[in-house]
Amino acid sequence: MDGRYILFGVSRGKEPELWRISAEGGQPQNLGIRMEGIHTLSVHPDGRRIAFSGGSIIREVWALENYLPKP
């Protein structure tokens, strides 16, 4: 990346948004990318493409009662 912008996340609700601001100051810009759990962000050297991972891990515990037939 050419160092012209700083990327950052804004959390408003369940899906954080990806924003940028010029390294020289000014108004922040919403990049229009929203996803829960954005991480591992990588910017291509040309500054025009980004790659990232996202999503959430759902952990569940289930209890089964009266599942097996009676002897």
C-alpha atoms as a PDB file:
ATOM      1  CA  MET A   1       0.000   0.000   0.000  1.00  0.00           C
ATOM      2  CA  ASP A   2       1.237   3.486  -0.728  1.00  0.00           C
ATOM      3  CA  GLY A   3       0.581   4.871   2.783  1.00  0.00           C
ATOM      4  CA  ARG A   4      -1.977   7.439   1.622  1.00  0.00           C
ATOM      5  CA  TYR A   5      -4.815   6.019   3.747  1.00  0.00           C
ATOM      6  CA  ILE A   6      -5.369   4.479   7.162  1.00  0.00           C
ATOM      7  CA  LEU A   7      -7.940   1.663   7.296  1.00  0.00           C
ATOM      8  CA  PHE A   8     -10.008   1.097  10.426  1.00  0.00           C
ATOM      9  CA  GLY A   9     -13.171  -0.609  11.600  1.00  0.00           C
ATOM     10  CA  VAL A  10     -16.279   1.062  13.006  1.00  0.00           C
ATOM     11  CA  SER A  11     -18.548  -1.114  15.108  1.00  0.00           C
ATOM     12  CA  ARG A  12     -22.211  -0.113  14.903  1.00  0.00           C
ATOM     13  CA  GLY A  13     -24.336  -3.113  15.662  1.00  0.00           C
ATOM     14  CA  LYS A  14     -23.638  -6.695  14.679  1.00  0.00           C
ATOM     15  CA  GLU A  15     -21.670  -6.063  11.476  1.00  0.00           C
ATOM     16  CA  PRO A  16     -18.659  -3.751  11.765  1.00  0.00           C
ATOM     17  CA  GLU A  17     -17.888  -1.519   8.787  1.00  0.00           C
ATOM     18  CA  LEU A  18     -14.542  -0.887   7.113  1.00  0.00           C
ATOM     19  CA  TRP A  19     -13.580   2.791   6.788  1.00  0.00           C
ATOM     20  CA  ARG A  20     -10.568   4.778   5.622  1.00  0.00           C
ATOM     21  CA  ILE A  21      -9.149   8.228   6.232  1.00  0.00           C
ATOM     22  CA  SER A  22      -6.397  10.061   4.420  1.00  0.00           C
ATOM     23  CA  ALA A  23      -3.055   9.912   6.239  1.00  0.00           C
ATOM     24  CA  GLU A  24      -2.983  13.697   5.827  1.00  0.00           C
ATOM     25  CA  GLY A  25      -6.361  14.142   7.592  1.00  0.00           C
ATOM     26  CA  GLY A  26      -9.825  14.972   6.333  1.00  0.00           C
ATOM     27  CA  GLN A  27     -13.185  13.255   6.497  1.00  0.00           C
ATOM     28  CA  PRO A  28     -13.365   9.473   7.044  1.00  0.00           C
ATOM     29  CA  GLN A  29     -14.943   7.479   4.206  1.00  0.00           C
ATOM     30  CA  ASN A  30     -17.093   4.372   4.572  1.00  0.00           C
ATOM     31  CA  LEU A  31     -15.817   1.754   2.104  1.00  0.00           C
ATOM     32  CA  GLY A  32     -19.177  -0.032   2.029  1.00  0.00           C
ATOM     33  CA  ILE A  33     -17.784  -3.298   3.410  1.00  0.00           C
ATOM     34  CA  ARG A  34     -19.725  -4.764   6.337  1.00  0.00           C
ATOM     35  CA  MET A  35     -19.094  -8.162   7.863  1.00  0.00           C
ATOM     36  CA  GLU A  36     -19.075  -9.688  11.290  1.00  0.00           C
ATOM     37  CA  GLY A  37     -15.594 -10.559  12.527  1.00  0.00           C
ATOM     38  CA  ILE A  38     -13.420  -8.833   9.900  1.00  0.00           C
ATOM     39  CA  HIS A  39      -9.787  -9.766  10.495  1.00  0.00           C
ATOM     40  CA  THR A  40      -6.544 -10.637   8.686  1.00  0.00           C
ATOM     41  CA  LEU A  41      -6.809  -7.609   6.422  1.00  0.00           C
ATOM     42  CA  SER A  42      -4.261  -7.347   3.602  1.00  0.00           C
ATOM     43  CA  VAL A  43      -3.995  -4.506   1.094  1.00  0.00           C
ATOM     44  CA  HIS A  44      -2.519  -5.108  -2.369  1.00  0.00           C
ATOM     45  CA  PRO A  45       0.490  -2.876  -3.149  1.00  0.00           C
ATOM     46  CA  ASP A  46      -1.505  -1.079  -5.875  1.00  0.00           C
ATOM     47  CA  GLY A  47      -3.917   0.173  -3.155  1.00  0.00           C
ATOM     48  CA  ARG A  48      -6.958  -0.825  -5.231  1.00  0.00           C
ATOM     49  CA  ARG A  49      -7.634  -4.306  -3.824  1.00  0.00           C
ATOM     50  CA  ILE A  50      -7.967  -5.762  -0.349  1.00  0.00           C
ATOM     51  CA  ALA A  51      -8.388  -9.260   1.003  1.00  0.00           C
ATOM     52  CA  PHE A  52      -9.717 -10.217   4.413  1.00  0.00           C
ATOM     53  CA  SER A  53     -11.284 -13.001   6.423  1.00  0.00           C
ATOM     54  CA  GLY A  54     -14.471 -12.672   8.379  1.00  0.00           C
ATOM     55  CA  GLY A  55     -17.409 -14.378   9.968  1.00  0.00           C
ATOM     56  CA  SER A  56     -18.091 -15.826  13.352  1.00  0.00           C
ATOM     57  CA  ILE A  57     -17.689 -19.143  15.073  1.00  0.00           C
ATOM     58  CA  ILE A  58     -20.810 -20.555  16.637  1.00  0.00           C
ATOM     59  CA  ARG A  59     -20.265 -23.023  19.439  1.00  0.00           C
ATOM     60  CA  GLU A  60     -23.184 -25.150  20.579  1.00  0.00           C
ATOM     61  CA  VAL A  61     -23.730 -27.834  23.172  1.00  0.00           C
ATOM     62  CA  TRP A  62     -26.731 -30.094  22.728  1.00  0.00           C
ATOM     63  CA  ALA A  63     -28.284 -32.333  25.370  1.00  0.00           C
ATOM     64  CA  LEU A  64     -30.361 -35.255  24.094  1.00  0.00           C
ATOM     65  CA  GLU A  65     -32.831 -36.709  26.551  1.00  0.00           C
ATOM     66  CA  ASN A  66     -34.760 -39.961  26.189  1.00  0.00           C
ATOM     67  CA  TYR A  67     -32.906 -40.596  22.949  1.00  0.00           C
ATOM     68  CA  LEU A  68     -32.147 -44.319  23.374  1.00  0.00           C
ATOM     69  CA  PRO A  69     -34.971 -46.864  23.347  1.00  0.00           C
ATOM     70  CA  LYS A  70     -35.941 -48.425  26.691  1.00  0.00           C
ATOM     71  CA  PRO A  71     -34.429 -51.897  27.313  1.00  0.00           C
END
